[in-house]
Amino acid sequence: MPEIVQVINRGSETWAAIMLAVTVQSALLLGLAMLVAILLHRSSPALRYWLWQIAAIKLLIMPLWT
């Protein structure tokens, strides 16, 4: 039984490290997208829409990419 607990603990440590990396990268990506959207406030709404769409797609594929 203790071996199973150790295996689960190692797996959870790996999972937690991956989730931390994804969370930090997501926060940085969204911060960058927000900064670019603010800088493009006088541009067309379509351009800002596509900026946020690209950010959303990146967020969806990020866990698979890490």
N, C-alpha and C. Protein backbone atom coordinates (compact mmCIF):
# COMPACT_ATOMS: atom_id res chain seq x y z
N MET A 1 0.80 -1.21 0.00
CA MET A 1 0.00 0.00 0.00
C MET A 1 0.84 1.27 0.00
N PRO A 2 1.89 1.38 0.80
CA PRO A 2 2.70 2.60 0.78
C PRO A 2 3.34 2.87 -0.59
N GLU A 3 3.60 1.82 -1.36
CA GLU A 3 4.20 2.03 -2.69
C GLU A 3 3.22 2.76 -3.59
N ILE A 4 1.95 2.42 -3.48
CA ILE A 4 0.93 3.08 -4.29
C ILE A 4 0.85 4.56 -3.92
N VAL A 5 0.95 4.85 -2.65
CA VAL A 5 0.90 6.24 -2.20
C VAL A 5 2.08 7.01 -2.75
N GLN A 6 3.25 6.41 -2.78
CA GLN A 6 4.43 7.08 -3.32
C GLN A 6 4.28 7.32 -4.82
N VAL A 7 3.73 6.36 -5.52
CA VAL A 7 3.51 6.53 -6.96
C VAL A 7 2.53 7.66 -7.21
N ILE A 8 1.45 7.69 -6.44
CA ILE A 8 0.45 8.76 -6.59
C ILE A 8 1.07 10.11 -6.25
N ASN A 9 1.89 10.18 -5.22
CA ASN A 9 2.55 11.43 -4.86
C ASN A 9 3.47 11.92 -5.95
N ARG A 10 4.25 11.03 -6.55
CA ARG A 10 5.13 11.43 -7.65
C ARG A 10 4.33 11.93 -8.84
N GLY A 11 3.23 11.24 -9.14
CA GLY A 11 2.38 11.67 -10.25
C GLY A 11 1.75 13.03 -9.99
N SER A 12 1.33 13.25 -8.75
CA SER A 12 0.72 14.54 -8.43
C SER A 12 1.75 15.67 -8.44
N GLU A 13 2.97 15.39 -8.08
CA GLU A 13 4.03 16.40 -8.15
C GLU A 13 4.30 16.80 -9.60
N THR A 14 4.32 15.81 -10.47
CA THR A 14 4.53 16.09 -11.90
C THR A 14 3.36 16.90 -12.45
N TRP A 15 2.14 16.49 -12.11
CA TRP A 15 0.95 17.20 -12.58
C TRP A 15 0.92 18.63 -12.06
N ALA A 16 1.27 18.82 -10.80
CA ALA A 16 1.27 20.16 -10.22
C ALA A 16 2.31 21.06 -10.90
N ALA A 17 3.46 20.51 -11.23
CA ALA A 17 4.49 21.30 -11.91
C ALA A 17 4.02 21.72 -13.30
N ILE A 18 3.35 20.82 -14.00
CA ILE A 18 2.84 21.14 -15.33
C ILE A 18 1.75 22.21 -15.23
N MET A 19 0.85 22.06 -14.28
CA MET A 19 -0.23 23.04 -14.11
C MET A 19 0.30 24.41 -13.71
N LEU A 20 1.35 24.44 -12.91
CA LEU A 20 1.96 25.72 -12.56
C LEU A 20 2.56 26.39 -13.79
N ALA A 21 3.25 25.61 -14.61
CA ALA A 21 3.83 26.17 -15.83
C ALA A 21 2.75 26.69 -16.78
N VAL A 22 1.68 25.94 -16.93
CA VAL A 22 0.58 26.36 -17.81
C VAL A 22 -0.08 27.62 -17.27
N THR A 23 -0.27 27.70 -15.97
CA THR A 23 -0.90 28.87 -15.36
C THR A 23 -0.05 30.13 -15.55
N VAL A 24 1.24 30.01 -15.31
CA VAL A 24 2.13 31.16 -15.47
C VAL A 24 2.17 31.60 -16.93
N GLN A 25 2.29 30.63 -17.85
CA GLN A 25 2.33 30.97 -19.26
C GLN A 25 1.01 31.60 -19.71
N SER A 26 -0.10 31.10 -19.20
CA SER A 26 -1.41 31.66 -19.55
C SER A 26 -1.54 33.10 -19.07
N ALA A 27 -1.10 33.35 -17.85
CA ALA A 27 -1.17 34.70 -17.31
C ALA A 27 -0.31 35.66 -18.12
N LEU A 28 0.87 35.23 -18.49
CA LEU A 28 1.75 36.08 -19.30
C LEU A 28 1.16 36.32 -20.69
N LEU A 29 0.60 35.29 -21.28
CA LEU A 29 0.00 35.43 -22.60
C LEU A 29 -1.18 36.40 -22.57
N LEU A 30 -2.05 36.25 -21.58
CA LEU A 30 -3.21 37.14 -21.49
C LEU A 30 -2.80 38.57 -21.16
N GLY A 31 -1.77 38.73 -20.35
CA GLY A 31 -1.26 40.06 -20.07
C GLY A 31 -0.70 40.72 -21.32
N LEU A 32 0.02 39.95 -22.11
CA LEU A 32 0.56 40.48 -23.37
C LEU A 32 -0.57 40.82 -24.35
N ALA A 33 -1.56 39.95 -24.44
CA ALA A 33 -2.69 40.22 -25.34
C ALA A 33 -3.45 41.46 -24.90
N MET A 34 -3.61 41.64 -23.59
CA MET A 34 -4.29 42.83 -23.09
C MET A 34 -3.49 44.09 -23.41
N LEU A 35 -2.18 44.02 -23.25
CA LEU A 35 -1.33 45.17 -23.56
C LEU A 35 -1.43 45.53 -25.04
N VAL A 36 -1.37 44.52 -25.91
CA VAL A 36 -1.48 44.78 -27.34
C VAL A 36 -2.87 45.33 -27.67
N ALA A 37 -3.92 44.79 -27.04
CA ALA A 37 -5.28 45.30 -27.29
C ALA A 37 -5.41 46.75 -26.86
N ILE A 38 -4.77 47.11 -25.75
CA ILE A 38 -4.80 48.50 -25.30
C ILE A 38 -4.06 49.40 -26.29
N LEU A 39 -2.93 48.92 -26.79
CA LEU A 39 -2.17 49.71 -27.76
C LEU A 39 -2.93 49.84 -29.08
N LEU A 40 -3.80 48.88 -29.38
CA LEU A 40 -4.56 48.91 -30.63
C LEU A 40 -5.98 49.45 -30.43
N HIS A 41 -6.19 50.25 -29.41
CA HIS A 41 -7.55 50.69 -29.09
C HIS A 41 -8.19 51.53 -30.20
N ARG A 42 -7.40 52.12 -31.05
CA ARG A 42 -7.96 52.91 -32.16
C ARG A 42 -8.08 52.11 -33.45
N SER A 43 -7.67 50.86 -33.42
CA SER A 43 -7.77 50.03 -34.61
C SER A 43 -9.17 49.44 -34.73
N SER A 44 -9.38 48.68 -35.76
CA SER A 44 -10.71 48.12 -35.98
C SER A 44 -11.02 47.06 -34.92
N PRO A 45 -12.29 46.95 -34.58
CA PRO A 45 -12.68 45.91 -33.62
C PRO A 45 -12.38 44.51 -34.13
N ALA A 46 -12.40 44.32 -35.43
CA ALA A 46 -12.11 43.00 -36.00
C ALA A 46 -10.68 42.57 -35.69
N LEU A 47 -9.76 43.51 -35.73
CA LEU A 47 -8.36 43.19 -35.43
C LEU A 47 -8.20 42.78 -33.97
N ARG A 48 -8.84 43.52 -33.09
CA ARG A 48 -8.77 43.16 -31.66
C ARG A 48 -9.48 41.84 -31.40
N TYR A 49 -10.56 41.57 -32.10
CA TYR A 49 -11.27 40.30 -31.97
C TYR A 49 -10.34 39.15 -32.32
N TRP A 50 -9.64 39.27 -33.44
CA TRP A 50 -8.74 38.20 -33.86
C TRP A 50 -7.56 38.06 -32.91
N LEU A 51 -7.13 39.14 -32.32
CA LEU A 51 -6.08 39.06 -31.31
C LEU A 51 -6.53 38.18 -30.15
N TRP A 52 -7.75 38.41 -29.67
CA TRP A 52 -8.27 37.61 -28.55
C TRP A 52 -8.58 36.18 -28.98
N GLN A 53 -8.97 35.99 -30.23
CA GLN A 53 -9.21 34.63 -30.71
C GLN A 53 -7.92 33.83 -30.76
N ILE A 54 -6.84 34.46 -31.21
CA ILE A 54 -5.54 33.79 -31.25
C ILE A 54 -5.07 33.45 -29.84
N ALA A 55 -5.29 34.38 -28.91
CA ALA A 55 -4.92 34.10 -27.52
C ALA A 55 -5.74 32.94 -26.96
N ALA A 56 -7.03 32.89 -27.28
CA ALA A 56 -7.88 31.80 -26.78
C ALA A 56 -7.47 30.46 -27.36
N ILE A 57 -7.14 30.43 -28.64
CA ILE A 57 -6.69 29.18 -29.26
C ILE A 57 -5.38 28.72 -28.63
N LYS A 58 -4.48 29.65 -28.39
CA LYS A 58 -3.22 29.31 -27.74
C LYS A 58 -3.46 28.73 -26.35
N LEU A 59 -4.42 29.30 -25.61
CA LEU A 59 -4.74 28.79 -24.28
C LEU A 59 -5.29 27.37 -24.35
N LEU A 60 -6.05 27.07 -25.39
CA LEU A 60 -6.61 25.73 -25.52
C LEU A 60 -5.56 24.68 -25.84
N ILE A 61 -4.55 25.05 -26.64
CA ILE A 61 -3.54 24.07 -27.01
C ILE A 61 -2.33 24.06 -26.08
N MET A 62 -2.27 25.04 -25.18
CA MET A 62 -1.10 25.14 -24.29
C MET A 62 -0.86 23.90 -23.44
N PRO A 63 -1.88 23.32 -22.82
CA PRO A 63 -1.61 22.12 -22.00
C PRO A 63 -1.04 20.96 -22.82
N LEU A 64 -1.38 20.90 -24.08
CA LEU A 64 -0.85 19.84 -24.93
C LEU A 64 0.57 20.15 -25.38
N TRP A 65 0.92 21.45 -25.40
CA TRP A 65 2.21 21.89 -25.90
C TRP A 65 3.30 21.82 -24.83
N THR A 66 2.93 21.95 -23.57
CA THR A 66 3.91 22.02 -22.48
C THR A 66 4.63 20.71 -22.29
